[in-house]
Amino acid sequence: MPRSETNPSPRRQELLEAAYAYALRSGLADLSLRPLAEEIQSSPRVLLYLFGSKDGLIRALLARARADELAVITEISDSQDGPGGLQSVARELWRWLSDAAHRGLLTLWVESYARSLIEPDGPWAGFARDTVGDWLALLASGQPPEFRDTEAGLAQRTLVLAALRGALLDLLATGDTARTTAAVHLQLAQSG
């Protein structure tokens, strides 16, 4: 029986952080408990005890990744002094997304996003939907309050999110920061 997630043990937290670092380097697609346990100096039995199952571990890792995502959203939202506009929020978001220091997290995000579409009932369930909601909420913070709740406001945020997501996929595939950044800035100038 897994340890309670509402009151996790220090060892569970320690192993979760180590497994998260491993997932940022290696992804989750081919996650196997034995190599993971060896890498983080544990055992499959301990991981199963603490997380209940491999799916339980994956759910915990996705929650950990989402916590990082939400921290970024909060950071960007808090950095906006006054109504800088949707383009300002999107540019700041792109600045963070295009930073090479975040490649591991973003590759894990893309993998998890895709897996949640392919395996909607597995441990990935809801990841893509939830992350879309998170990013749309951040982008809404850059819109005037009277425009946020309109169909046009939602459509504008959706277009910006689609442009950012497409550019991110391209950036992760090619590593071409200059070209993708120029494309994002062009799209934001046209949508503003």
N, C-alpha and C. Protein backbone atom coordinates (compact mmCIF):
# COMPACT_ATOMS: atom_id res chain seq x y z
N MET A 1 0.85 -1.18 0.00
CA MET A 1 0.00 0.00 0.00
C MET A 1 0.89 1.24 0.00
N PRO A 2 0.63 2.21 -0.89
CA PRO A 2 1.48 3.39 -0.98
C PRO A 2 1.32 4.31 0.22
N ARG A 3 2.38 5.05 0.47
CA ARG A 3 2.34 6.06 1.52
C ARG A 3 1.36 7.16 1.10
N SER A 4 0.75 7.79 2.06
CA SER A 4 -0.21 8.86 1.79
C SER A 4 0.46 10.01 1.05
N GLU A 5 -0.17 10.48 -0.03
CA GLU A 5 0.36 11.62 -0.76
C GLU A 5 0.07 12.92 -0.05
N THR A 6 -0.91 12.93 0.84
CA THR A 6 -1.22 14.15 1.56
C THR A 6 -0.21 14.42 2.66
N ASN A 7 0.45 13.39 3.12
CA ASN A 7 1.47 13.53 4.15
C ASN A 7 2.69 12.71 3.74
N PRO A 8 3.39 13.15 2.68
CA PRO A 8 4.49 12.33 2.17
C PRO A 8 5.67 12.30 3.13
N SER A 9 6.32 11.15 3.15
CA SER A 9 7.50 11.00 3.99
C SER A 9 8.67 11.77 3.38
N PRO A 10 9.64 12.14 4.20
CA PRO A 10 10.82 12.81 3.65
C PRO A 10 11.52 11.93 2.59
N ARG A 11 11.54 10.63 2.81
CA ARG A 11 12.18 9.73 1.84
C ARG A 11 11.42 9.75 0.51
N ARG A 12 10.10 9.76 0.57
CA ARG A 12 9.29 9.83 -0.65
C ARG A 12 9.61 11.11 -1.41
N GLN A 13 9.68 12.23 -0.70
CA GLN A 13 9.99 13.51 -1.34
C GLN A 13 11.40 13.48 -1.95
N GLU A 14 12.33 12.93 -1.22
CA GLU A 14 13.71 12.83 -1.71
C GLU A 14 13.77 11.99 -2.99
N LEU A 15 13.11 10.84 -2.98
CA LEU A 15 13.11 9.98 -4.17
C LEU A 15 12.32 10.60 -5.31
N LEU A 16 11.25 11.31 -5.00
CA LEU A 16 10.49 11.99 -6.05
C LEU A 16 11.36 13.03 -6.74
N GLU A 17 12.09 13.81 -5.97
CA GLU A 17 12.97 14.82 -6.57
C GLU A 17 14.07 14.17 -7.42
N ALA A 18 14.63 13.08 -6.93
CA ALA A 18 15.66 12.37 -7.70
C ALA A 18 15.07 11.77 -8.97
N ALA A 19 13.87 11.19 -8.87
CA ALA A 19 13.20 10.62 -10.05
C ALA A 19 12.83 11.73 -11.02
N TYR A 20 12.45 12.88 -10.52
CA TYR A 20 12.11 14.02 -11.38
C TYR A 20 13.35 14.49 -12.15
N ALA A 21 14.48 14.59 -11.48
CA ALA A 21 15.72 14.97 -12.15
C ALA A 21 16.06 13.95 -13.24
N TYR A 22 15.84 12.68 -12.95
CA TYR A 22 16.06 11.61 -13.93
C TYR A 22 15.11 11.78 -15.11
N ALA A 23 13.84 12.06 -14.85
CA ALA A 23 12.84 12.23 -15.91
C ALA A 23 13.16 13.44 -16.77
N LEU A 24 13.69 14.49 -16.19
CA LEU A 24 14.07 15.67 -16.97
C LEU A 24 15.21 15.35 -17.93
N ARG A 25 16.08 14.43 -17.53
CA ARG A 25 17.18 14.02 -18.40
C ARG A 25 16.77 12.96 -19.41
N SER A 26 15.90 12.04 -18.99
CA SER A 26 15.64 10.83 -19.77
C SER A 26 14.22 10.70 -20.29
N GLY A 27 13.30 11.52 -19.83
CA GLY A 27 11.91 11.39 -20.23
C GLY A 27 11.21 10.29 -19.47
N LEU A 28 9.95 10.08 -19.84
CA LEU A 28 9.13 9.08 -19.17
C LEU A 28 8.68 7.96 -20.10
N ALA A 29 8.89 8.11 -21.39
CA ALA A 29 8.35 7.16 -22.36
C ALA A 29 8.79 5.73 -22.08
N ASP A 30 10.03 5.54 -21.80
CA ASP A 30 10.55 4.19 -21.57
C ASP A 30 10.92 3.97 -20.10
N LEU A 31 10.23 4.66 -19.21
CA LEU A 31 10.56 4.55 -17.80
C LEU A 31 10.40 3.12 -17.32
N SER A 32 11.46 2.62 -16.73
CA SER A 32 11.46 1.29 -16.14
C SER A 32 11.94 1.45 -14.70
N LEU A 33 11.25 0.79 -13.78
CA LEU A 33 11.56 0.98 -12.36
C LEU A 33 12.97 0.55 -11.98
N ARG A 34 13.45 -0.54 -12.53
CA ARG A 34 14.76 -1.04 -12.12
C ARG A 34 15.89 -0.06 -12.48
N PRO A 35 16.01 0.41 -13.74
CA PRO A 35 17.07 1.38 -14.03
C PRO A 35 16.88 2.70 -13.27
N LEU A 36 15.62 3.13 -13.12
CA LEU A 36 15.37 4.35 -12.36
C LEU A 36 15.84 4.18 -10.92
N ALA A 37 15.45 3.07 -10.29
CA ALA A 37 15.82 2.83 -8.90
C ALA A 37 17.34 2.79 -8.74
N GLU A 38 18.01 2.14 -9.67
CA GLU A 38 19.47 2.08 -9.61
C GLU A 38 20.07 3.48 -9.72
N GLU A 39 19.55 4.27 -10.65
CA GLU A 39 20.05 5.63 -10.87
C GLU A 39 19.86 6.52 -9.64
N ILE A 40 18.76 6.36 -8.94
CA ILE A 40 18.47 7.24 -7.80
C ILE A 40 18.79 6.58 -6.46
N GLN A 41 19.52 5.48 -6.52
CA GLN A 41 20.00 4.77 -5.33
C GLN A 41 18.86 4.33 -4.41
N SER A 42 17.93 3.61 -5.04
CA SER A 42 16.80 3.04 -4.31
C SER A 42 16.59 1.63 -4.84
N SER A 43 15.37 1.12 -4.67
CA SER A 43 15.04 -0.19 -5.21
C SER A 43 13.63 -0.11 -5.77
N PRO A 44 13.31 -0.98 -6.74
CA PRO A 44 11.94 -1.00 -7.26
C PRO A 44 10.91 -1.24 -6.14
N ARG A 45 11.26 -2.08 -5.19
CA ARG A 45 10.34 -2.39 -4.09
C ARG A 45 10.02 -1.13 -3.27
N VAL A 46 11.03 -0.32 -2.99
CA VAL A 46 10.81 0.91 -2.23
C VAL A 46 9.94 1.88 -3.04
N LEU A 47 10.22 2.00 -4.33
CA LEU A 47 9.42 2.89 -5.18
C LEU A 47 7.97 2.44 -5.22
N LEU A 48 7.76 1.13 -5.33
CA LEU A 48 6.38 0.62 -5.33
C LEU A 48 5.70 0.87 -4.00
N TYR A 49 6.43 0.73 -2.91
CA TYR A 49 5.85 0.99 -1.59
C TYR A 49 5.45 2.47 -1.46
N LEU A 50 6.35 3.35 -1.88
CA LEU A 50 6.11 4.78 -1.69
C LEU A 50 5.09 5.36 -2.67
N PHE A 51 5.03 4.80 -3.89
CA PHE A 51 4.16 5.38 -4.92
C PHE A 51 3.01 4.46 -5.34
N GLY A 52 3.00 3.24 -4.84
CA GLY A 52 1.90 2.32 -5.09
C GLY A 52 2.02 1.51 -6.35
N SER A 53 2.54 2.11 -7.41
CA SER A 53 2.69 1.44 -8.70
C SER A 53 3.53 2.34 -9.60
N LYS A 54 3.90 1.81 -10.73
CA LYS A 54 4.61 2.63 -11.71
C LYS A 54 3.72 3.80 -12.14
N ASP A 55 2.42 3.53 -12.35
CA ASP A 55 1.49 4.61 -12.71
C ASP A 55 1.42 5.66 -11.61
N GLY A 56 1.46 5.23 -10.36
CA GLY A 56 1.44 6.17 -9.24
C GLY A 56 2.68 7.06 -9.25
N LEU A 57 3.82 6.47 -9.58
CA LEU A 57 5.06 7.24 -9.69
C LEU A 57 4.95 8.24 -10.84
N ILE A 58 4.42 7.80 -11.98
CA ILE A 58 4.27 8.70 -13.12
C ILE A 58 3.34 9.85 -12.76
N ARG A 59 2.23 9.54 -12.09
CA ARG A 59 1.31 10.61 -11.67
C ARG A 59 2.02 11.60 -10.75
N ALA A 60 2.85 11.10 -9.84
CA ALA A 60 3.59 11.97 -8.93
C ALA A 60 4.60 12.84 -9.70
N LEU A 61 5.24 12.25 -10.70
CA LEU A 61 6.20 13.01 -11.52
C LEU A 61 5.49 14.07 -12.35
N LEU A 62 4.32 13.74 -12.88
CA LEU A 62 3.55 14.73 -13.63
C LEU A 62 3.07 15.87 -12.73
N ALA A 63 2.67 15.53 -11.52
CA ALA A 63 2.26 16.57 -10.56
C ALA A 63 3.45 17.46 -10.22
N ARG A 64 4.63 16.85 -10.11
CA ARG A 64 5.84 17.63 -9.82
C ARG A 64 6.17 18.55 -10.99
N ALA A 65 6.05 18.05 -12.22
CA ALA A 65 6.29 18.88 -13.41
C ALA A 65 5.27 20.01 -13.48
N ARG A 66 4.02 19.70 -13.16
CA ARG A 66 2.97 20.73 -13.19
C ARG A 66 3.24 21.79 -12.14
N ALA A 67 3.79 21.40 -11.00
CA ALA A 67 4.14 22.38 -9.96
C ALA A 67 5.17 23.36 -10.51
N ASP A 68 6.15 22.87 -11.27
CA ASP A 68 7.12 23.75 -11.90
C ASP A 68 6.44 24.66 -12.92
N GLU A 69 5.52 24.10 -13.70
CA GLU A 69 4.77 24.88 -14.69
C GLU A 69 3.99 26.00 -13.99
N LEU A 70 3.31 25.68 -12.92
CA LEU A 70 2.51 26.68 -12.21
C LEU A 70 3.41 27.74 -11.56
N ALA A 71 4.59 27.35 -11.12
CA ALA A 71 5.53 28.32 -10.56
C ALA A 71 5.98 29.31 -11.63
N VAL A 72 6.20 28.83 -12.84
CA VAL A 72 6.57 29.71 -13.95
C VAL A 72 5.43 30.67 -14.25
N ILE A 73 4.23 30.14 -14.29
CA ILE A 73 3.06 30.97 -14.57
C ILE A 73 2.93 32.07 -13.52
N THR A 74 3.09 31.71 -12.27
CA THR A 74 3.00 32.69 -11.19
C THR A 74 4.11 33.74 -11.33
N GLU A 75 5.32 33.28 -11.62
CA GLU A 75 6.46 34.19 -11.79
C GLU A 75 6.20 35.18 -12.91
N ILE A 76 5.74 34.69 -14.04
CA ILE A 76 5.48 35.58 -15.18
C ILE A 76 4.33 36.52 -14.87
N SER A 77 3.28 36.00 -14.29
CA SER A 77 2.14 36.83 -13.94
C SER A 77 2.53 37.93 -12.96
N ASP A 78 3.34 37.58 -11.96
CA ASP A 78 3.77 38.55 -10.95
C ASP A 78 4.74 39.58 -11.52
N SER A 79 5.46 39.23 -12.59
CA SER A 79 6.45 40.14 -13.17
C SER A 79 5.81 41.22 -14.03
N GLN A 80 4.55 41.07 -14.33
CA GLN A 80 3.85 42.04 -15.18
C GLN A 80 3.39 43.21 -14.32
N ASP A 81 4.02 44.38 -14.52
CA ASP A 81 3.64 45.58 -13.78
C ASP A 81 2.53 46.30 -14.53
N GLY A 82 1.33 46.13 -14.05
CA GLY A 82 0.20 46.80 -14.68
C GLY A 82 -0.23 46.09 -15.94
N PRO A 83 -1.14 46.72 -16.66
CA PRO A 83 -1.68 46.10 -17.87
C PRO A 83 -0.72 46.21 -19.05
N GLY A 84 0.23 45.29 -19.13
CA GLY A 84 1.20 45.31 -20.23
C GLY A 84 0.63 44.74 -21.51
N GLY A 85 -0.49 44.07 -21.42
CA GLY A 85 -1.13 43.52 -22.59
C GLY A 85 -0.77 42.07 -22.83
N LEU A 86 -1.58 41.44 -23.63
CA LEU A 86 -1.40 40.04 -23.97
C LEU A 86 -0.04 39.80 -24.62
N GLN A 87 0.37 40.69 -25.50
CA GLN A 87 1.66 40.51 -26.19
C GLN A 87 2.81 40.55 -25.20
N SER A 88 2.73 41.41 -24.20
CA SER A 88 3.78 41.49 -23.19
C SER A 88 3.88 40.18 -22.40
N VAL A 89 2.74 39.65 -21.99
CA VAL A 89 2.74 38.38 -21.25
C VAL A 89 3.27 37.27 -22.14
N ALA A 90 2.84 37.23 -23.40
CA ALA A 90 3.28 36.19 -24.32
C ALA A 90 4.77 36.29 -24.61
N ARG A 91 5.29 37.50 -24.75
CA ARG A 91 6.73 37.67 -24.98
C ARG A 91 7.53 37.17 -23.78
N GLU A 92 7.06 37.48 -22.58
CA GLU A 92 7.74 37.02 -21.37
C GLU A 92 7.67 35.49 -21.27
N LEU A 93 6.52 34.94 -21.60
CA LEU A 93 6.37 33.48 -21.62
C LEU A 93 7.33 32.86 -22.64
N TRP A 94 7.40 33.44 -23.82
CA TRP A 94 8.31 32.91 -24.84
C TRP A 94 9.77 33.03 -24.41
N ARG A 95 10.10 34.14 -23.74
CA ARG A 95 11.47 34.30 -23.25
C ARG A 95 11.82 33.12 -22.34
N TRP A 96 10.90 32.75 -21.46
CA TRP A 96 11.15 31.63 -20.56
C TRP A 96 11.18 30.31 -21.34
N LEU A 97 10.22 30.10 -22.24
CA LEU A 97 10.16 28.85 -23.00
C LEU A 97 11.39 28.64 -23.87
N SER A 98 11.93 29.71 -24.42
CA SER A 98 13.06 29.58 -25.35
C SER A 98 14.42 29.53 -24.65
N ASP A 99 14.44 29.70 -23.35
CA ASP A 99 15.69 29.62 -22.59
C ASP A 99 16.18 28.17 -22.58
N ALA A 100 17.41 27.97 -23.03
CA ALA A 100 17.97 26.61 -23.13
C ALA A 100 18.00 25.89 -21.79
N ALA A 101 18.01 26.61 -20.69
CA ALA A 101 18.05 25.99 -19.37
C ALA A 101 16.78 25.19 -19.07
N HIS A 102 15.72 25.42 -19.83
CA HIS A 102 14.44 24.76 -19.55
C HIS A 102 14.12 23.62 -20.52
N ARG A 103 15.07 23.21 -21.34
CA ARG A 103 14.81 22.19 -22.36
C ARG A 103 14.33 20.87 -21.76
N GLY A 104 14.92 20.43 -20.68
CA GLY A 104 14.50 19.16 -20.06
C GLY A 104 13.05 19.19 -19.63
N LEU A 105 12.66 20.24 -18.94
CA LEU A 105 11.28 20.37 -18.49
C LEU A 105 10.32 20.46 -19.67
N LEU A 106 10.70 21.21 -20.69
CA LEU A 106 9.80 21.38 -21.84
C LEU A 106 9.69 20.12 -22.68
N THR A 107 10.78 19.38 -22.80
CA THR A 107 10.71 18.10 -23.50
C THR A 107 9.81 17.13 -22.73
N LEU A 108 9.95 17.12 -21.40
CA LEU A 108 9.08 16.29 -20.57
C LEU A 108 7.63 16.74 -20.71
N TRP A 109 7.40 18.05 -20.76
CA TRP A 109 6.05 18.59 -20.93
C TRP A 109 5.44 18.11 -22.25
N VAL A 110 6.20 18.21 -23.35
CA VAL A 110 5.69 17.80 -24.67
C VAL A 110 5.38 16.30 -24.66
N GLU A 111 6.28 15.52 -24.09
CA GLU A 111 6.06 14.07 -24.01
C GLU A 111 4.79 13.76 -23.22
N SER A 112 4.62 14.41 -22.09
CA SER A 112 3.46 14.17 -21.24
C SER A 112 2.18 14.65 -21.89
N TYR A 113 2.25 15.77 -22.58
CA TYR A 113 1.11 16.32 -23.30
C TYR A 113 0.63 15.31 -24.35
N ALA A 114 1.57 14.82 -25.14
CA ALA A 114 1.22 13.84 -26.19
C ALA A 114 0.70 12.54 -25.59
N ARG A 115 1.35 12.05 -24.55
CA ARG A 115 0.90 10.79 -23.93
C ARG A 115 -0.50 10.92 -23.35
N SER A 116 -0.84 12.10 -22.84
CA SER A 116 -2.18 12.27 -22.27
C SER A 116 -3.25 12.23 -23.35
N LEU A 117 -2.87 12.53 -24.58
CA LEU A 117 -3.81 12.43 -25.70
C LEU A 117 -3.94 10.99 -26.18
N ILE A 118 -2.84 10.25 -26.14
CA ILE A 118 -2.81 8.87 -26.60
C ILE A 118 -3.37 7.91 -25.56
N GLU A 119 -3.08 8.18 -24.30
CA GLU A 119 -3.52 7.32 -23.20
C GLU A 119 -4.38 8.13 -22.23
N PRO A 120 -5.58 8.52 -22.65
CA PRO A 120 -6.38 9.42 -21.83
C PRO A 120 -6.86 8.84 -20.50
N ASP A 121 -6.80 7.53 -20.34
CA ASP A 121 -7.25 6.93 -19.09
C ASP A 121 -6.09 6.47 -18.21
N GLY A 122 -4.87 6.66 -18.66
CA GLY A 122 -3.70 6.23 -17.89
C GLY A 122 -3.26 7.29 -16.90
N PRO A 123 -2.03 7.17 -16.44
CA PRO A 123 -1.53 8.13 -15.44
C PRO A 123 -1.40 9.54 -16.00
N TRP A 124 -1.45 9.66 -17.31
CA TRP A 124 -1.30 10.96 -17.98
C TRP A 124 -2.64 11.70 -18.07
N ALA A 125 -3.72 11.05 -17.67
CA ALA A 125 -5.08 11.57 -17.85
C ALA A 125 -5.19 13.04 -17.45
N GLY A 126 -5.70 13.84 -18.36
CA GLY A 126 -5.99 15.24 -18.08
C GLY A 126 -4.81 16.18 -18.16
N PHE A 127 -3.59 15.67 -18.35
CA PHE A 127 -2.42 16.54 -18.33
C PHE A 127 -2.52 17.62 -19.41
N ALA A 128 -2.82 17.23 -20.65
CA ALA A 128 -2.89 18.21 -21.74
C ALA A 128 -3.98 19.24 -21.48
N ARG A 129 -5.16 18.77 -21.12
CA ARG A 129 -6.28 19.68 -20.86
C ARG A 129 -5.93 20.67 -19.75
N ASP A 130 -5.37 20.16 -18.66
CA ASP A 130 -5.04 21.03 -17.53
C ASP A 130 -3.99 22.06 -17.90
N THR A 131 -2.99 21.66 -18.66
CA THR A 131 -1.93 22.60 -19.02
C THR A 131 -2.44 23.67 -19.98
N VAL A 132 -3.36 23.31 -20.88
CA VAL A 132 -3.96 24.32 -21.75
C VAL A 132 -4.68 25.36 -20.89
N GLY A 133 -5.44 24.88 -19.91
CA GLY A 133 -6.14 25.81 -19.02
C GLY A 133 -5.19 26.71 -18.26
N ASP A 134 -4.06 26.15 -17.80
CA ASP A 134 -3.07 26.94 -17.06
C ASP A 134 -2.52 28.08 -17.92
N TRP A 135 -2.11 27.73 -19.15
CA TRP A 135 -1.50 28.74 -20.03
C TRP A 135 -2.53 29.76 -20.49
N LEU A 136 -3.76 29.33 -20.76
CA LEU A 136 -4.79 30.29 -21.15
C LEU A 136 -5.08 31.27 -20.02
N ALA A 137 -5.06 30.79 -18.79
CA ALA A 137 -5.28 31.67 -17.63
C ALA A 137 -4.17 32.71 -17.53
N LEU A 138 -2.92 32.29 -17.75
CA LEU A 138 -1.81 33.24 -17.72
C LEU A 138 -2.00 34.29 -18.81
N LEU A 139 -2.30 33.86 -20.01
CA LEU A 139 -2.48 34.81 -21.11
C LEU A 139 -3.65 35.75 -20.84
N ALA A 140 -4.68 35.28 -20.17
CA ALA A 140 -5.83 36.13 -19.83
C ALA A 140 -5.41 37.28 -18.93
N SER A 141 -4.37 37.06 -18.11
CA SER A 141 -3.92 38.12 -17.21
C SER A 141 -3.40 39.33 -17.97
N GLY A 142 -3.09 39.16 -19.24
CA GLY A 142 -2.61 40.27 -20.05
C GLY A 142 -3.71 40.97 -20.83
N GLN A 143 -4.93 40.51 -20.67
CA GLN A 143 -6.04 41.12 -21.39
C GLN A 143 -6.84 42.03 -20.46
N PRO A 144 -7.46 43.06 -21.01
CA PRO A 144 -8.32 43.92 -20.18
C PRO A 144 -9.46 43.09 -19.59
N PRO A 145 -9.81 43.33 -18.34
CA PRO A 145 -10.85 42.53 -17.68
C PRO A 145 -12.15 42.44 -18.47
N GLU A 146 -12.55 43.51 -19.12
CA GLU A 146 -13.81 43.49 -19.86
C GLU A 146 -13.73 42.65 -21.14
N PHE A 147 -12.52 42.32 -21.57
CA PHE A 147 -12.33 41.55 -22.80
C PHE A 147 -12.09 40.06 -22.51
N ARG A 148 -11.58 39.75 -21.31
CA ARG A 148 -11.21 38.38 -20.95
C ARG A 148 -12.32 37.37 -21.14
N ASP A 149 -13.52 37.71 -20.71
CA ASP A 149 -14.62 36.76 -20.69
C ASP A 149 -15.44 36.73 -21.97
N THR A 150 -14.93 37.36 -23.02
CA THR A 150 -15.64 37.35 -24.29
C THR A 150 -15.12 36.23 -25.17
N GLU A 151 -15.91 35.85 -26.16
CA GLU A 151 -15.46 34.83 -27.12
C GLU A 151 -14.22 35.32 -27.87
N ALA A 152 -14.21 36.60 -28.20
CA ALA A 152 -13.07 37.16 -28.92
C ALA A 152 -11.81 37.12 -28.05
N GLY A 153 -11.95 37.37 -26.75
CA GLY A 153 -10.80 37.31 -25.84
C GLY A 153 -10.23 35.90 -25.75
N LEU A 154 -11.13 34.93 -25.63
CA LEU A 154 -10.69 33.53 -25.58
C LEU A 154 -10.06 33.12 -26.90
N ALA A 155 -10.62 33.54 -28.00
CA ALA A 155 -10.06 33.20 -29.32
C ALA A 155 -8.67 33.80 -29.48
N GLN A 156 -8.50 35.04 -29.03
CA GLN A 156 -7.19 35.69 -29.13
C GLN A 156 -6.15 34.95 -28.30
N ARG A 157 -6.50 34.57 -27.07
CA ARG A 157 -5.57 33.81 -26.23
C ARG A 157 -5.24 32.45 -26.85
N THR A 158 -6.25 31.81 -27.43
CA THR A 158 -6.05 30.50 -28.04
C THR A 158 -5.09 30.60 -29.23
N LEU A 159 -5.23 31.65 -30.02
CA LEU A 159 -4.33 31.87 -31.16
C LEU A 159 -2.90 32.08 -30.68
N VAL A 160 -2.73 32.90 -29.66
CA VAL A 160 -1.39 33.15 -29.13
C VAL A 160 -0.80 31.86 -28.55
N LEU A 161 -1.61 31.12 -27.81
CA LEU A 161 -1.12 29.85 -27.25
C LEU A 161 -0.72 28.88 -28.35
N ALA A 162 -1.52 28.80 -29.40
CA ALA A 162 -1.20 27.90 -30.52
C ALA A 162 0.13 28.31 -31.17
N ALA A 163 0.34 29.60 -31.34
CA ALA A 163 1.60 30.08 -31.94
C ALA A 163 2.78 29.74 -31.03
N LEU A 164 2.62 29.95 -29.73
CA LEU A 164 3.71 29.63 -28.79
C LEU A 164 4.00 28.14 -28.77
N ARG A 165 2.94 27.34 -28.74
CA ARG A 165 3.13 25.88 -28.68
C ARG A 165 3.79 25.39 -29.97
N GLY A 166 3.35 25.88 -31.11
CA GLY A 166 3.97 25.47 -32.38
C GLY A 166 5.43 25.87 -32.45
N ALA A 167 5.73 27.08 -32.03
CA ALA A 167 7.12 27.55 -32.04
C ALA A 167 7.96 26.74 -31.07
N LEU A 168 7.38 26.37 -29.93
CA LEU A 168 8.10 25.56 -28.96
C LEU A 168 8.45 24.19 -29.54
N LEU A 169 7.49 23.56 -30.19
CA LEU A 169 7.77 22.26 -30.82
C LEU A 169 8.89 22.39 -31.85
N ASP A 170 8.83 23.44 -32.65
CA ASP A 170 9.85 23.69 -33.66
C ASP A 170 11.21 23.92 -32.99
N LEU A 171 11.23 24.73 -31.94
CA LEU A 171 12.47 25.01 -31.23
C LEU A 171 13.07 23.74 -30.64
N LEU A 172 12.24 22.91 -30.01
CA LEU A 172 12.75 21.67 -29.43
C LEU A 172 13.29 20.73 -30.51
N ALA A 173 12.68 20.76 -31.69
CA ALA A 173 13.12 19.88 -32.78
C ALA A 173 14.41 20.37 -33.43
N THR A 174 14.57 21.70 -33.54
CA THR A 174 15.69 22.24 -34.32
C THR A 174 16.74 22.96 -33.50
N GLY A 175 16.36 23.46 -32.33
CA GLY A 175 17.30 24.25 -31.53
C GLY A 175 17.50 25.65 -32.08
N ASP A 176 16.73 26.05 -33.07
CA ASP A 176 16.90 27.35 -33.72
C ASP A 176 16.12 28.44 -32.98
N THR A 177 16.76 28.98 -31.97
CA THR A 177 16.11 29.99 -31.12
C THR A 177 15.86 31.29 -31.88
N ALA A 178 16.82 31.72 -32.68
CA ALA A 178 16.66 33.00 -33.39
C ALA A 178 15.47 32.97 -34.34
N ARG A 179 15.36 31.93 -35.13
CA ARG A 179 14.28 31.84 -36.10
C ARG A 179 12.92 31.72 -35.42
N THR A 180 12.82 30.87 -34.41
CA THR A 180 11.52 30.68 -33.74
C THR A 180 11.13 31.94 -32.96
N THR A 181 12.10 32.61 -32.37
CA THR A 181 11.79 33.85 -31.64
C THR A 181 11.31 34.92 -32.61
N ALA A 182 11.96 35.03 -33.76
CA ALA A 182 11.51 36.00 -34.76
C ALA A 182 10.08 35.69 -35.20
N ALA A 183 9.76 34.42 -35.38
CA ALA A 183 8.40 34.03 -35.79
C ALA A 183 7.39 34.37 -34.70
N VAL A 184 7.73 34.10 -33.44
CA VAL A 184 6.82 34.42 -32.33
C VAL A 184 6.58 35.92 -32.27
N HIS A 185 7.64 36.70 -32.35
CA HIS A 185 7.47 38.16 -32.29
C HIS A 185 6.64 38.69 -33.46
N LEU A 186 6.85 38.12 -34.64
CA LEU A 186 6.04 38.52 -35.80
C LEU A 186 4.57 38.18 -35.58
N GLN A 187 4.29 36.99 -35.10
CA GLN A 187 2.90 36.59 -34.85
C GLN A 187 2.26 37.48 -33.79
N LEU A 188 3.00 37.78 -32.74
CA LEU A 188 2.44 38.63 -31.69
C LEU A 188 2.18 40.04 -32.20
N ALA A 189 3.06 40.56 -33.05
CA ALA A 189 2.85 41.90 -33.62
C ALA A 189 1.60 41.91 -34.51
N GLN A 190 1.35 40.83 -35.22
CA GLN A 190 0.19 40.76 -36.12
C GLN A 190 -1.09 40.54 -35.35
N SER A 191 -1.00 39.85 -34.19
CA SER A 191 -2.22 39.57 -33.44
C SER A 191 -2.56 40.68 -32.45
N GLY A 192 -1.67 41.64 -32.31
CA GLY A 192 -1.89 42.72 -31.36
C GLY A 192 -2.68 43.78 -31.97
